[in-house]
Protein backbone atom coordinates (compact mmCIF):
# COMPACT_ATOMS: atom_id res chain seq x y z
CA MET A 1 -28.13 -14.76 -17.19
CA ASN A 2 -24.69 -14.79 -18.75
CA PRO A 3 -22.27 -15.54 -15.88
CA LEU A 4 -19.71 -13.24 -17.43
CA ARG A 5 -22.10 -10.40 -16.83
CA LEU A 6 -21.98 -11.22 -13.13
CA LEU A 7 -18.21 -11.17 -13.15
CA CYS A 8 -17.82 -7.85 -14.83
CA VAL A 9 -17.66 -4.40 -13.67
CA MET A 10 -14.83 -2.04 -13.13
CA SER A 11 -14.68 0.64 -15.55
CA CYS A 12 -16.72 1.28 -18.56
CA LEU A 13 -20.29 2.11 -17.48
CA VAL A 14 -21.78 5.52 -18.07
CA ALA A 15 -22.42 7.38 -14.83
CA ALA A 16 -26.11 7.86 -15.45
CA THR A 17 -26.85 4.16 -15.73
CA LEU A 18 -24.83 3.32 -12.65
CA ALA A 19 -25.79 6.15 -10.32
CA THR A 20 -27.55 4.70 -7.28
CA PRO A 21 -28.14 5.84 -3.72
CA SER A 22 -25.39 3.47 -2.52
CA VAL A 23 -22.79 6.20 -2.06
CA GLY A 24 -25.30 8.44 -0.37
CA ARG A 25 -26.20 5.69 2.09
CA ARG A 26 -22.67 5.51 3.44
CA SER A 27 -22.43 6.26 7.10
CA ASN A 28 -19.88 8.50 8.77
CA SER A 29 -18.99 5.47 10.88
CA LEU A 30 -15.79 3.72 9.83
CA THR A 31 -17.35 0.29 10.38
CA ASP A 32 -20.75 0.55 8.67
CA VAL A 33 -21.19 -2.24 6.09
CA GLU A 34 -24.60 -3.15 4.66
CA ASN A 35 -25.94 -6.51 3.58
CA PRO A 36 -24.45 -7.18 0.13
CA SER A 37 -27.79 -8.40 -1.23
CA ASN A 38 -29.28 -4.94 -0.71
CA TRP A 39 -26.70 -3.16 -2.89
CA VAL A 40 -27.24 -4.45 -6.44
CA SER A 41 -30.55 -4.75 -8.27
CA GLN A 42 -31.34 -7.15 -11.11
CA ASN A 43 -31.42 -4.28 -13.61
CA GLU A 44 -27.99 -3.12 -12.52
CA ILE A 45 -26.62 -6.65 -12.90
CA ASP A 46 -27.98 -6.83 -16.45
CA GLU A 47 -26.24 -3.55 -17.30
CA LEU A 48 -22.79 -4.56 -16.09
CA PRO A 49 -20.05 -4.71 -18.75
CA SER A 50 -18.06 -7.76 -19.77
CA LEU A 51 -14.66 -8.52 -18.30
CA ASN A 52 -12.73 -7.53 -21.40
CA GLU A 53 -14.13 -4.01 -20.98
CA VAL A 54 -12.69 -3.66 -17.48
CA THR A 55 -9.37 -1.83 -17.49
CA LEU A 56 -7.46 0.63 -15.35
CA ARG A 57 -7.51 3.04 -18.25
CA ARG A 58 -11.30 3.06 -18.33
CA LEU A 59 -11.43 3.60 -14.57
CA GLN A 60 -9.04 6.49 -15.00
CA GLN A 61 -11.47 8.06 -17.46
CA MET A 62 -14.29 8.01 -14.89
CA ASN A 63 -14.56 10.50 -12.04
CA THR A 64 -14.20 9.23 -8.50
CA GLU A 65 -17.92 8.90 -7.79
CA GLU A 66 -18.56 7.00 -11.02
CA GLY A 67 -15.67 4.68 -10.41
CA ALA A 68 -16.67 4.15 -6.78
CA ASN A 69 -20.27 3.28 -7.71
CA LEU A 70 -19.01 0.77 -10.24
CA LEU A 71 -16.60 -0.86 -7.82
CA ASP A 72 -19.23 -0.95 -5.08
CA LYS A 73 -21.53 -3.00 -7.28
CA LEU A 74 -18.77 -5.38 -8.25
CA TYR A 75 -17.59 -5.89 -4.70
CA HIS A 76 -20.95 -6.42 -3.05
CA LEU A 77 -22.17 -8.64 -5.87
CA SER A 78 -19.01 -10.72 -5.57
CA GLN A 79 -19.45 -11.11 -1.81
CA PHE A 80 -23.11 -12.09 -2.14
CA ASN A 81 -22.79 -14.51 -5.07
CA ARG A 82 -19.15 -15.58 -4.58
CA ILE A 83 -18.58 -15.15 -8.30
CA PHE A 84 -14.83 -14.62 -8.01
CA LYS A 85 -12.66 -17.53 -6.93
CA PRO A 86 -9.09 -16.74 -5.83
CA ASP A 87 -7.54 -19.08 -8.37
CA TYR A 88 -5.04 -16.83 -10.17
CA SER A 89 -1.50 -17.20 -8.90
CA PRO A 90 1.46 -16.31 -11.14
CA GLU A 91 4.45 -18.61 -10.93
CA PRO A 92 7.46 -17.35 -8.92
CA SER A 93 9.46 -16.99 -12.15
CA GLN A 94 6.80 -14.56 -13.42
CA ILE A 95 7.12 -12.27 -10.40
CA LYS A 96 10.14 -10.05 -10.93
CA GLY A 97 11.78 -7.29 -8.96
CA TYR A 98 15.02 -5.53 -8.22
CA ILE A 99 17.33 -4.47 -5.42
CA VAL A 100 18.43 -0.83 -5.45
CA GLY A 101 22.22 -1.04 -5.29
CA GLU A 102 24.61 1.30 -3.52
CA ARG A 103 25.16 3.24 -6.77
CA GLY A 104 21.43 3.35 -7.43
CA GLN A 105 21.54 0.58 -10.05
CA LYS A 106 18.79 -1.99 -10.46
CA ILE A 107 19.90 -5.50 -9.50
CA GLU A 108 17.16 -7.62 -11.03
CA PHE A 109 15.75 -10.96 -9.91
CA ASN A 110 12.66 -13.13 -10.04
CA MET A 111 11.20 -14.87 -7.02
CA ASP A 112 12.92 -18.13 -7.96
CA ASN A 113 16.37 -16.60 -7.51
CA PHE A 114 15.47 -13.84 -5.04
CA VAL A 115 17.45 -15.18 -2.07
CA GLN A 116 20.46 -16.09 -4.22
CA THR A 117 20.54 -12.55 -5.62
CA VAL A 118 20.40 -11.05 -2.13
CA LYS A 119 23.25 -13.31 -1.00
CA ARG A 120 25.55 -11.69 -3.54
CA GLN A 121 25.03 -8.20 -2.06
CA GLU A 122 27.69 -7.12 0.43
CA ASN A 123 26.53 -6.01 3.86
CA PHE A 124 22.87 -6.63 3.00
CA GLY A 125 20.68 -6.42 6.09
CA ASP A 126 23.21 -4.58 8.26
CA ASP A 127 20.61 -1.86 8.61
CA GLU A 128 16.91 -1.54 7.77
CA VAL A 129 15.52 -3.63 4.90
CA THR A 130 12.44 -2.26 3.14
CA ILE A 131 10.55 -4.46 0.68
CA TYR A 132 7.95 -2.64 -1.43
CA ILE A 133 5.41 -4.80 -3.31
CA GLU A 134 3.59 -3.12 -6.19
CA GLY A 135 -0.04 -3.98 -6.73
CA LEU A 136 -0.59 -2.43 -10.18
CA PRO A 137 1.27 -2.92 -13.48
CA GLN A 138 4.27 -0.68 -14.16
CA SER A 139 3.12 -0.46 -17.78
CA TRP A 140 0.62 2.07 -16.49
CA ASN A 141 2.40 5.44 -16.34
CA ASP A 142 0.90 6.75 -13.08
CA GLU A 143 1.95 3.59 -11.22
CA LYS A 144 5.48 3.79 -12.67
CA LYS A 145 5.73 7.45 -11.65
CA THR A 146 4.46 6.68 -8.13
CA THR A 147 6.96 3.86 -7.63
CA ARG A 148 9.77 6.09 -8.87
CA THR A 149 8.79 8.72 -6.30
CA LEU A 150 8.96 6.16 -3.49
CA VAL A 151 12.29 4.75 -4.70
CA GLN A 152 13.82 8.23 -4.92
CA ALA A 153 12.68 8.98 -1.38
CA TYR A 154 14.36 5.83 -0.06
CA GLN A 155 17.48 6.54 -2.12
CA GLN A 156 17.78 9.77 -0.24
CA ARG A 157 16.97 8.22 3.12
CA TYR A 158 19.34 5.30 2.69
CA ASN A 159 22.13 7.35 1.07
CA LEU A 160 21.83 5.50 -2.25
CA GLN A 161 22.74 7.21 -5.51
CA PRO A 162 19.99 7.63 -8.13
CA TYR A 163 19.75 5.49 -11.24
CA PRO A 164 22.19 6.46 -14.04
CA ASN A 165 20.49 8.64 -16.69
CA GLN A 166 17.25 8.62 -14.71
CA GLN A 167 14.51 10.62 -16.41
CA GLU A 168 12.31 12.70 -14.16
CA SER A 169 8.95 14.36 -14.66
CA ASN A 170 8.50 18.09 -14.14
CA GLU A 171 6.60 17.36 -10.93
CA ASP A 172 9.46 15.29 -9.50
CA ARG A 173 12.38 17.42 -10.67
CA THR A 174 12.37 20.02 -7.89
CA SER A 175 12.20 17.50 -5.10
CA SER A 176 14.82 15.35 -6.83
CA GLU A 177 17.23 18.28 -7.09
CA GLU A 178 16.73 18.94 -3.40
CA GLN A 179 17.33 15.25 -2.72
CA ASN A 180 20.56 15.25 -4.71
CA GLN A 181 21.79 18.30 -2.85
CA ARG A 182 21.02 16.71 0.50
CA ARG A 183 22.55 13.42 -0.65
CA LYS A 184 25.81 15.16 -1.53
CA GLN A 185 25.82 16.81 1.87
CA ASN A 186 25.21 13.47 3.54
CA GLN A 187 27.93 11.78 1.49
CA GLN A 188 30.44 14.36 2.65
CA LYS A 189 29.76 13.03 6.15
CA ASP A 190 29.38 9.35 5.37
CA ASP A 191 29.39 7.46 2.08
CA THR A 192 27.95 4.31 3.66
CA LYS A 193 24.43 3.26 2.78
CA THR A 194 22.07 3.12 5.74
CA GLY A 195 19.49 0.66 4.46
CA ASP A 196 18.47 -1.72 1.68
CA LEU A 197 15.50 -1.31 -0.66
CA ILE A 198 13.82 -4.09 -2.65
CA VAL A 199 10.98 -3.56 -5.13
CA ILE A 200 8.79 -6.52 -6.15
CA ASN A 201 6.79 -5.92 -9.36
CA LEU A 202 3.80 -8.11 -8.56
CA GLY A 203 1.53 -5.83 -10.57
CA ASN A 204 3.38 -6.69 -13.77
CA ALA A 205 2.22 -10.29 -13.41
CA ILE A 206 -1.43 -9.15 -13.47
CA GLN A 207 -2.63 -8.74 -17.06
CA ASP A 208 -6.30 -7.79 -16.68
CA PHE A 209 -9.06 -7.20 -14.19
CA GLU A 210 -10.15 -10.84 -14.10
CA GLN A 211 -6.68 -11.78 -12.82
CA TYR A 212 -6.74 -8.82 -10.42
CA ALA A 213 -10.10 -9.88 -8.96
CA LYS A 214 -9.10 -13.56 -8.77
CA LEU A 215 -5.63 -12.96 -7.34
CA ASN A 216 -4.73 -15.67 -4.84
CA VAL A 217 -3.13 -13.48 -2.19
CA GLU A 218 -2.80 -16.48 0.14
CA ARG A 219 -0.62 -18.52 -2.19
CA ILE A 220 1.52 -15.57 -3.29
CA GLY A 221 1.88 -14.33 0.28
CA GLU A 222 2.91 -17.75 1.55
CA MET A 223 5.51 -18.00 -1.22
CA LEU A 224 6.93 -14.61 -0.26
CA GLY A 225 6.83 -15.53 3.43
CA ASN A 226 8.88 -18.66 2.70
CA ARG A 227 11.44 -16.55 0.82
CA LEU A 228 11.72 -14.28 3.85
CA VAL A 229 12.35 -17.30 6.04
CA GLU A 230 15.21 -18.23 3.70
CA LEU A 231 16.45 -14.65 3.91
CA THR A 232 16.71 -14.77 7.68
CA ASN A 233 18.11 -18.31 7.80
CA THR A 234 20.67 -18.21 4.99
CA VAL A 235 21.55 -14.52 4.65
CA ASN A 236 21.24 -13.83 8.38
CA VAL A 237 18.93 -10.84 7.91
CA PRO A 238 17.24 -10.25 11.30
CA GLN A 239 13.44 -10.14 11.12
CA GLU A 240 13.61 -7.08 13.39
CA VAL A 241 14.91 -4.95 10.51
CA ILE A 242 12.40 -6.04 7.83
CA HIS A 243 9.65 -3.63 6.81
CA LEU A 244 7.15 -4.95 4.23
CA ILE A 245 5.12 -2.36 2.29
CA GLY A 246 2.29 -3.43 -0.02
CA GLN A 247 0.24 -1.27 -2.37
CA GLY A 248 -3.39 -2.16 -3.11
CA ALA A 249 -3.86 -5.92 -3.44
CA ALA A 250 -0.18 -6.35 -2.57
CA ALA A 251 -0.94 -5.07 0.94
CA HIS A 252 -2.82 -8.33 1.54
CA VAL A 253 0.07 -10.32 0.05
CA ALA A 254 2.35 -8.60 2.58
CA GLY A 255 -0.01 -9.52 5.42
CA VAL A 256 -0.12 -13.18 4.43
CA ALA A 257 3.68 -13.20 4.02
CA GLY A 258 4.01 -11.92 7.57
CA ARG A 259 1.72 -14.65 8.93
CA GLN A 260 3.56 -17.33 6.98
CA PHE A 261 6.88 -16.08 8.33
CA THR A 262 5.54 -16.34 11.87
CA ARG A 263 4.14 -19.84 11.28
CA GLN A 264 7.54 -21.02 10.04
CA THR A 265 9.79 -19.27 12.56
CA GLY A 266 7.72 -18.37 15.61
CA HIS A 267 8.85 -14.76 15.20
CA LYS A 268 7.22 -11.68 13.68
CA LEU A 269 8.52 -9.20 11.14
CA ARG A 270 9.07 -5.72 12.50
CA ARG A 271 6.47 -3.83 10.47
CA ILE A 272 3.97 -4.18 7.62
CA THR A 273 2.44 -1.12 5.96
CA GLY A 274 -0.60 -1.31 3.69
CA LEU A 275 -0.92 1.53 1.18
CA ASP A 276 -4.62 1.78 0.32
CA PRO A 277 -5.26 -1.95 0.82
CA ALA A 278 -7.61 -3.17 -1.90
CA LYS A 279 -10.99 -4.81 -1.66
CA LEU A 280 -10.65 -8.58 -1.79
CA TYR A 281 -13.08 -9.70 -4.49
CA GLY A 282 -12.17 -13.36 -4.31
CA LYS A 283 -11.80 -14.82 -0.82
CA PRO A 284 -11.09 -18.39 0.31
CA GLU A 285 -14.08 -20.29 1.65
CA ASN A 286 -14.42 -20.20 5.45
CA LYS A 287 -11.08 -18.47 5.91
CA LEU A 288 -10.01 -14.98 6.85
CA SER A 289 -7.59 -13.61 4.32
CA GLY A 290 -5.50 -10.56 3.66
CA LEU A 291 -3.81 -7.97 5.83
CA ALA A 292 -4.71 -7.95 9.52
CA ARG A 293 -3.46 -6.75 12.85
CA GLY A 294 -0.93 -9.20 14.25
CA ASP A 295 0.71 -10.02 10.91
CA ALA A 296 3.81 -8.19 12.18
CA ASP A 297 4.93 -6.57 15.42
CA PHE A 298 3.32 -3.41 14.05
CA VAL A 299 0.80 -3.07 11.21
CA ASP A 300 -0.35 0.28 9.82
CA ALA A 301 -2.56 1.14 6.87
CA ILE A 302 -3.29 4.31 4.88
CA HIS A 303 -6.72 4.42 3.21
CA THR A 304 -6.99 6.97 0.38
CA SER A 305 -9.78 5.37 -1.66
CA ALA A 306 -11.75 3.55 1.03
CA TYR A 307 -14.95 3.37 -1.02
CA GLY A 308 -13.21 3.08 -4.39
CA MET A 309 -10.21 0.85 -5.18
CA GLY A 310 -9.53 0.32 -1.48
CA THR A 311 -11.42 -0.88 1.56
CA GLN A 312 -12.73 1.02 4.58
CA GLU A 313 -12.16 -1.96 6.87
CA ARG A 314 -9.84 -1.66 9.84
CA LEU A 315 -6.82 -3.80 9.10
CA GLY A 316 -3.93 -2.69 11.28
CA ASP A 317 -2.93 -1.61 14.73
CA VAL A 318 -3.57 1.86 13.35
CA ASP A 319 -5.50 2.89 10.24
CA PHE A 320 -5.16 6.37 8.75
CA TYR A 321 -7.94 7.99 6.70
CA PRO A 322 -6.76 11.21 4.98
CA ASN A 323 -9.80 13.53 4.85
CA GLY A 324 -11.88 10.71 6.31
CA PRO A 325 -13.07 7.47 4.68
CA SER A 326 -14.33 8.40 1.20
CA VAL A 327 -14.05 7.55 -2.50
CA GLY A 328 -10.89 9.62 -2.89
CA VAL A 329 -8.70 12.43 -1.62
CA PRO A 330 -8.21 16.08 -2.64
CA GLY A 331 -6.58 16.48 -6.04
CA ALA A 332 -7.25 12.92 -7.23
CA ASP A 333 -9.54 12.83 -10.27
CA ASN A 334 -10.34 9.11 -10.24
CA VAL A 335 -10.25 6.11 -7.93
CA VAL A 336 -7.01 4.72 -9.32
CA GLU A 337 -5.18 7.99 -8.80
CA ALA A 338 -6.73 8.26 -5.34
CA SER A 339 -5.48 4.79 -4.44
CA LEU A 340 -1.93 5.65 -5.52
CA ARG A 341 -1.95 8.78 -3.35
CA ALA A 342 -1.32 6.58 -0.29
CA THR A 343 2.07 5.67 -1.78
CA ARG A 344 2.85 9.28 -2.62
CA TYR A 345 2.01 10.37 0.94
CA PHE A 346 4.22 7.67 2.36
CA ALA A 347 7.04 8.59 -0.02
CA GLU A 348 6.83 12.21 1.11
CA SER A 349 7.21 11.12 4.73
CA VAL A 350 10.25 8.98 3.88
CA ARG A 351 12.35 11.93 2.72
CA PRO A 352 14.58 13.15 5.56
CA GLY A 353 13.03 16.19 7.21
CA ASN A 354 9.48 15.25 6.17
CA GLU A 355 8.82 12.52 8.71
CA ARG A 356 6.18 14.58 10.55
CA ASN A 357 4.43 16.12 7.55
CA PHE A 358 1.19 14.25 8.27
CA PRO A 359 -0.09 14.87 11.82
CA ALA A 360 -3.32 12.98 12.60
CA VAL A 361 -5.70 12.58 15.54
CA ALA A 362 -7.90 9.68 16.59
CA ALA A 363 -11.53 10.10 15.54
CA SER A 364 -14.46 7.85 14.65
CA SER A 365 -15.62 10.00 11.70
CA TYR A 366 -14.52 12.90 9.55
CA LYS A 367 -17.35 14.97 11.01
CA GLU A 368 -16.00 14.38 14.50
CA TYR A 369 -12.53 15.33 13.31
CA LYS A 370 -13.77 18.56 11.66
CA GLN A 371 -15.54 19.53 14.89
CA ASN A 372 -12.24 19.17 16.78
CA LYS A 373 -13.64 16.28 18.79
CA GLY A 374 -10.71 13.99 18.16
CA TYR A 375 -9.16 12.30 21.16
CA GLY A 376 -5.87 10.88 22.33
CA LYS A 377 -2.36 11.97 21.46
CA ARG A 378 -1.27 13.16 18.03
CA ALA A 379 0.16 10.61 15.63
CA TYR A 380 2.13 10.99 12.41
CA MET A 381 1.09 9.07 9.31
CA GLY A 382 3.94 7.57 7.32
CA ILE A 383 7.46 6.46 8.12
CA ALA A 384 7.43 8.03 11.60
CA THR A 385 4.23 6.40 12.84
CA SER A 386 4.74 5.51 16.48
CA TYR A 387 4.36 1.87 17.43
CA ASP A 388 2.44 2.69 20.62
CA ILE A 389 -0.74 3.96 18.95
CA GLU A 390 -3.77 2.08 17.73
CA GLY A 391 -7.23 2.77 16.33
CA ASP A 392 -8.59 5.00 13.57
CA TYR A 393 -6.82 8.28 12.82
CA ILE A 394 -7.96 11.10 10.56
CA LEU A 395 -6.02 13.99 9.06
CA GLN A 396 -6.25 16.57 6.29
CA VAL A 397 -3.98 16.63 3.26
CA ASN A 398 -3.22 19.07 0.46
CA ALA A 399 -4.38 18.53 -3.11
CA LYS A 400 -0.85 18.96 -4.48
CA SER A 401 2.68 18.21 -3.32
CA PRO A 402 3.73 18.79 -0.62
CA PHE A 403 0.67 16.85 0.51
CA GLY A 404 1.35 17.12 4.24
CA ARG A 405 -0.14 19.97 6.25
CA ASN A 406 2.78 20.10 8.69
CA THR A 407 5.92 20.94 6.71
CA PRO A 408 8.63 22.28 9.09
CA ALA A 409 11.75 20.15 8.64
CA GLN A 410 12.38 17.63 11.37
CA PRO A 411 15.75 15.98 12.09
CA GLN A 412 16.07 12.52 10.60
CA ILE A 413 16.01 9.81 13.26
CA GLY A 414 18.08 6.76 12.46
CA PHE A 415 16.39 3.36 12.24
CA HIS A 416 18.45 1.76 14.99
CA ALA A 417 17.73 4.55 17.49
CA VAL A 418 13.98 4.30 16.92
CA HIS A 419 13.96 0.51 16.94
CA GLU A 420 16.06 0.25 20.09
CA ALA A 421 13.76 2.64 21.95
CA TRP A 422 10.78 0.56 20.85
CA ARG A 423 12.39 -2.73 21.90
CA GLN A 424 13.14 -1.44 25.37
CA SER A 425 9.44 -1.28 26.20
CA PRO A 426 7.64 -3.85 24.03
CA GLN A 427 4.75 -4.38 26.43
CA GLN A 428 4.01 -0.68 26.56
CA GLN A 429 4.07 -0.52 22.75
CA ARG A 430 1.35 -3.13 22.44
CA GLN A 431 -1.03 -1.57 24.97
């Protein structure tokens, strides 16, 4: 059999040839995983496409069930036959990003000069530092739009002005106008920024699906973790103010970065958030990899395409499953769009007044949640997630923005007030 045929699968099969009972066999349990060898037949292997046919665009053209079936076969085949080796790691100079300046400008860098660029920023790290790592290329319009939504939300939250001549989509314009109005009101009170935002464009260093599936999250994460050590040692940024956010495969990079930081310093970053953490197709031999509880003082994850682009596995102190673990979420037409919804939900919660838009309850299945059999206290998915909760939480979301079901405006709580309250009772927070 052509080994390339074993490697390939992610977007271009017709639904009829790929439809199998695998989706129907999924349990309501959040932890049910079958033996990989039982998922893919020889005939299905022979029908898989070649790697050069695997693109995000082709996945976008498939509905969620078609895309999920395709990705299921790829993932379980890769775990059974170990056909993907995590041997793709872009050089630091290839991984670029930018700091959002006080006037909203992009201050660009690559990972070779990341720390030096930060050093030149006045008052960097005086308040919260958020580092968002993209997992998909910005050349793809939906990813670019999603990142812009998150950046705009943090611009409002951190009192940063928007980019000069920024172009907005019709969907974003209303919320952006509201943000600008609120920003002007805030600036009348205080023109000082209240946080720093960094965007790392890891996705732009991934050219095709083969690189995506073979991404060495360990090496990239360790490199980022070492840069964060430099940040705390040479720029004097306290680890207590650093919040890493990773989308898709970048969620695992964030997790490894957190572990590397702890290995080097003996301390943990404040928080790591995984936005629809991806399946890991290529894993190191005899080694756990990717995002996991303990990578920071608090780890949370939002799963919007658990059986599609993402994973259903529990990864954090708390894992949120909007509308339960499934191939997608309401309003998302394909698995890629569904995966990006996690970022859009989080962005909505970042905007001042929206922190509690996503109330959730602990439940072991969506059926249990629908029958009002959830247990424990209410939690809020997104920026306002409390550090004293843990387990699996389920909630319902809307198909269109605003996505949250709980929309009354809430007063914005400053980072230092929340963090100080958390630090006063660290043992209670970890129970």
